[in-house]
Protein backbone atom coordinates (compact mmCIF):
# COMPACT_ATOMS: atom_id res chain seq x y z
CA MET A 1 7.83 -6.68 39.38
CA ARG A 2 5.99 -4.26 37.08
CA TYR A 3 7.88 -5.70 34.06
CA VAL A 4 6.90 -9.32 34.71
CA LEU A 5 3.28 -9.10 33.50
CA PRO A 6 3.98 -7.46 30.08
CA VAL A 7 6.86 -9.88 29.44
CA ALA A 8 4.70 -12.86 30.43
CA ILE A 9 1.82 -11.71 28.21
CA SER A 10 4.07 -11.07 25.21
CA THR A 11 5.73 -14.47 25.71
CA LEU A 12 2.34 -16.20 25.66
CA LEU A 13 0.76 -14.21 22.84
CA GLY A 14 3.79 -13.42 20.70
CA THR A 15 5.11 -9.94 20.03
CA PRO A 16 2.19 -7.52 19.77
CA ALA A 17 2.27 -4.94 17.02
CA ALA A 18 2.85 -2.18 19.58
CA LEU A 19 6.23 -3.74 20.43
CA VAL A 20 7.49 -3.78 16.84
CA PRO A 21 10.22 -1.15 16.81
CA ALA A 22 9.34 2.20 15.27
CA ALA A 23 10.01 2.01 11.56
CA ASN A 24 9.24 3.71 8.29
CA LEU A 25 8.09 1.91 5.18
CA ASN A 26 9.36 3.93 2.22
CA VAL A 27 7.91 3.23 -1.22
CA LYS A 28 9.29 4.54 -4.50
CA LEU A 29 6.77 4.16 -7.32
CA GLU A 30 7.48 4.94 -10.94
CA LEU A 31 4.52 5.69 -13.22
CA PRO A 32 5.77 5.74 -16.82
CA ARG A 33 4.54 8.36 -19.26
CA LEU A 34 2.69 6.41 -21.91
CA ASN A 35 2.63 7.56 -25.50
CA ALA A 36 -1.12 7.74 -26.01
CA ALA A 37 -3.32 10.21 -27.85
CA GLU A 38 -5.71 10.38 -24.89
CA TYR A 39 -3.63 10.16 -21.71
CA HIS A 40 -5.37 10.00 -18.33
CA ARG A 41 -3.72 9.96 -14.94
CA PRO A 42 -3.94 6.46 -13.49
CA TYR A 43 -5.85 5.32 -10.44
CA VAL A 44 -3.36 3.75 -8.00
CA VAL A 45 -3.80 1.70 -4.85
CA ILE A 46 -1.14 0.39 -2.48
CA TRP A 47 -1.97 -2.25 0.13
CA ILE A 48 -0.40 -5.02 2.20
CA GLU A 49 -1.16 -8.74 2.16
CA LYS A 50 -0.10 -11.57 4.43
CA PRO A 51 1.85 -14.55 3.02
CA ASP A 52 -1.43 -16.48 2.51
CA GLN A 53 -2.61 -13.56 0.31
CA SER A 54 -5.19 -12.43 2.86
CA PHE A 55 -5.67 -8.69 3.24
CA ALA A 56 -3.63 -6.91 5.95
CA GLY A 57 -4.34 -3.22 5.30
CA ASN A 58 -4.60 -0.29 2.89
CA LEU A 59 -1.86 2.32 2.61
CA THR A 60 -3.16 4.72 -0.06
CA VAL A 61 -5.71 5.08 -2.87
CA TRP A 62 -5.20 7.68 -5.60
CA TYR A 63 -8.29 8.52 -7.65
CA ASP A 64 -10.23 11.50 -9.00
CA VAL A 65 -11.25 12.94 -5.64
CA LYS A 66 -12.54 16.17 -7.21
CA ALA A 67 -15.08 14.59 -9.56
CA ARG A 68 -18.59 15.97 -9.11
CA ASN A 69 -20.91 14.05 -6.77
CA ASN A 70 -18.03 11.77 -5.73
CA GLY A 71 -18.04 10.38 -9.31
CA GLY A 72 -14.38 9.36 -9.16
CA THR A 73 -15.30 6.45 -6.93
CA ARG A 74 -17.23 4.90 -9.83
CA TRP A 75 -13.99 3.72 -11.46
CA LEU A 76 -12.33 2.31 -8.32
CA LYS A 77 -13.71 -1.14 -9.16
CA GLU A 78 -11.29 -1.17 -12.13
CA LEU A 79 -8.58 -1.77 -9.54
CA ARG A 80 -9.90 -5.33 -9.56
CA GLN A 81 -7.64 -7.25 -7.18
CA TRP A 82 -7.79 -4.56 -4.52
CA TRP A 83 -11.53 -4.05 -5.07
CA ARG A 84 -12.21 -7.72 -4.28
CA LYS A 85 -9.93 -7.72 -1.21
CA SER A 86 -10.92 -4.43 0.40
CA GLY A 87 -12.21 -1.68 -1.89
CA ARG A 88 -15.85 -2.63 -2.04
CA GLU A 89 -15.98 -2.46 1.78
CA LEU A 90 -14.83 1.17 1.93
CA ASN A 91 -16.88 4.34 1.71
CA MET A 92 -14.51 6.72 -0.05
CA ALA A 93 -13.06 9.26 0.71
CA VAL A 94 -11.12 7.89 3.66
CA ASP A 95 -9.09 10.39 5.68
CA GLY A 96 -5.38 9.61 5.48
CA LEU A 97 -5.93 7.04 2.72
CA SER A 98 -7.53 8.86 -0.22
CA ALA A 99 -5.51 11.16 -2.43
CA ALA A 100 -5.74 12.73 -5.88
CA THR A 101 -4.31 10.96 -8.91
CA ARG A 102 -0.76 11.89 -9.79
CA ALA A 103 1.07 12.55 -13.03
CA ALA A 104 3.62 10.24 -14.60
CA GLY A 105 7.01 10.24 -12.90
CA GLU A 106 8.69 8.98 -9.76
CA HIS A 107 6.76 9.23 -6.52
CA ARG A 108 8.15 8.68 -3.03
CA LEU A 109 5.85 7.83 -0.14
CA THR A 110 6.65 7.24 3.51
CA PHE A 111 4.40 5.33 5.88
CA SER A 112 5.29 5.17 9.57
CA THR A 113 4.20 3.10 12.53
CA ASP A 114 1.97 6.09 13.35
CA ASN A 115 -0.06 4.88 10.36
CA SER A 116 -2.96 2.79 11.65
CA VAL A 117 -2.09 -0.15 9.35
CA LEU A 118 1.61 -0.36 10.19
CA GLY A 119 1.04 0.45 13.85
CA ARG A 120 -0.96 -2.75 14.30
CA LEU A 121 1.00 -4.96 11.89
CA PRO A 122 2.79 -7.79 13.76
CA ALA A 123 6.36 -8.65 12.81
CA GLY A 124 6.52 -11.09 9.91
CA GLU A 125 6.59 -11.65 6.17
CA TYR A 126 4.25 -9.62 3.93
CA GLN A 127 3.76 -8.40 0.38
CA LEU A 128 3.29 -4.81 -0.71
CA LEU A 129 0.96 -4.66 -3.71
CA VAL A 130 0.62 -1.78 -6.14
CA GLU A 131 -2.27 -1.88 -8.61
CA VAL A 132 -2.69 0.69 -11.37
CA ALA A 133 -5.60 1.16 -13.78
CA ARG A 134 -5.95 3.88 -16.36
CA GLU A 135 -8.86 5.02 -18.52
CA VAL A 136 -8.20 4.16 -22.17
CA GLY A 137 -5.26 2.16 -20.90
CA GLY A 138 -4.39 -1.00 -19.11
CA ARG A 139 -4.22 -2.45 -15.66
CA GLU A 140 -1.26 -3.94 -13.81
CA VAL A 141 -0.35 -5.30 -10.38
CA VAL A 142 3.17 -5.52 -8.94
CA LYS A 143 4.02 -7.39 -5.72
CA VAL A 144 7.07 -6.76 -3.56
CA PRO A 145 7.72 -9.18 -0.66
CA PHE A 146 9.09 -7.60 2.53
CA THR A 147 9.85 -8.40 6.15
CA TRP A 148 8.23 -6.18 8.76
CA GLY A 149 9.71 -5.81 12.24
CA GLY A 150 12.94 -7.59 11.38
CA LYS A 151 16.35 -6.47 12.58
CA GLY A 152 18.15 -3.82 10.57
CA GLU A 153 17.14 -2.25 7.30
CA PHE A 154 15.39 -3.99 4.42
CA THR A 155 15.18 -3.17 0.70
CA ALA A 156 13.48 -4.91 -2.22
CA GLU A 157 12.11 -3.94 -5.60
CA ALA A 158 10.05 -5.26 -8.49
CA GLN A 159 9.58 -4.12 -12.05
CA GLY A 160 6.28 -3.58 -13.83
CA SER A 161 5.89 -4.09 -17.56
CA HIS A 162 3.62 -1.31 -18.89
CA GLU A 163 1.45 0.69 -16.44
CA ILE A 164 4.00 0.53 -13.60
CA GLY A 165 7.76 1.07 -13.74
CA THR A 166 9.89 0.18 -10.72
CA VAL A 167 8.40 -0.30 -7.25
CA ALA A 168 11.00 -0.18 -4.48
CA VAL A 169 10.39 -0.86 -0.78
CA GLU A 170 12.77 0.26 1.95
CA ILE A 171 12.26 -0.24 5.68
CA LYS A 172 14.30 1.82 8.13
């Protein structure tokens, strides 16, 4: 009898995010070393959108967290797509979201259902977006479609053209 109510509620409302099986979203991000006289580490943001391109949640924001008087936040608006979707609403630094910029190379990140975004994300189709902007450089956005809460493992990747190398998504 104690199982009837949760089953009835989930049948009426659909599968709540809490019932999506525990999973990890692994992201491999390649930041190419650009041949420039004045090279600056890029600002990077990773977030999730729904199929209708509405905002679903932020995963990480890399920027100059050590700049005096929180001056690194001044350049976050250069991450234009993200800024319009979510960035302007945030008061940086955000615990668990903000991180320092990183050097060129391959970076591996793991986000789990313990993460507040993934923990409340219902099963379905989404896009992982990576936006990169660099001082005295360019700006680029790469999108990788993925299925969250599906059966089995999932992998997908996309290739950037100048500021971003390969972005690979793996769900286990």
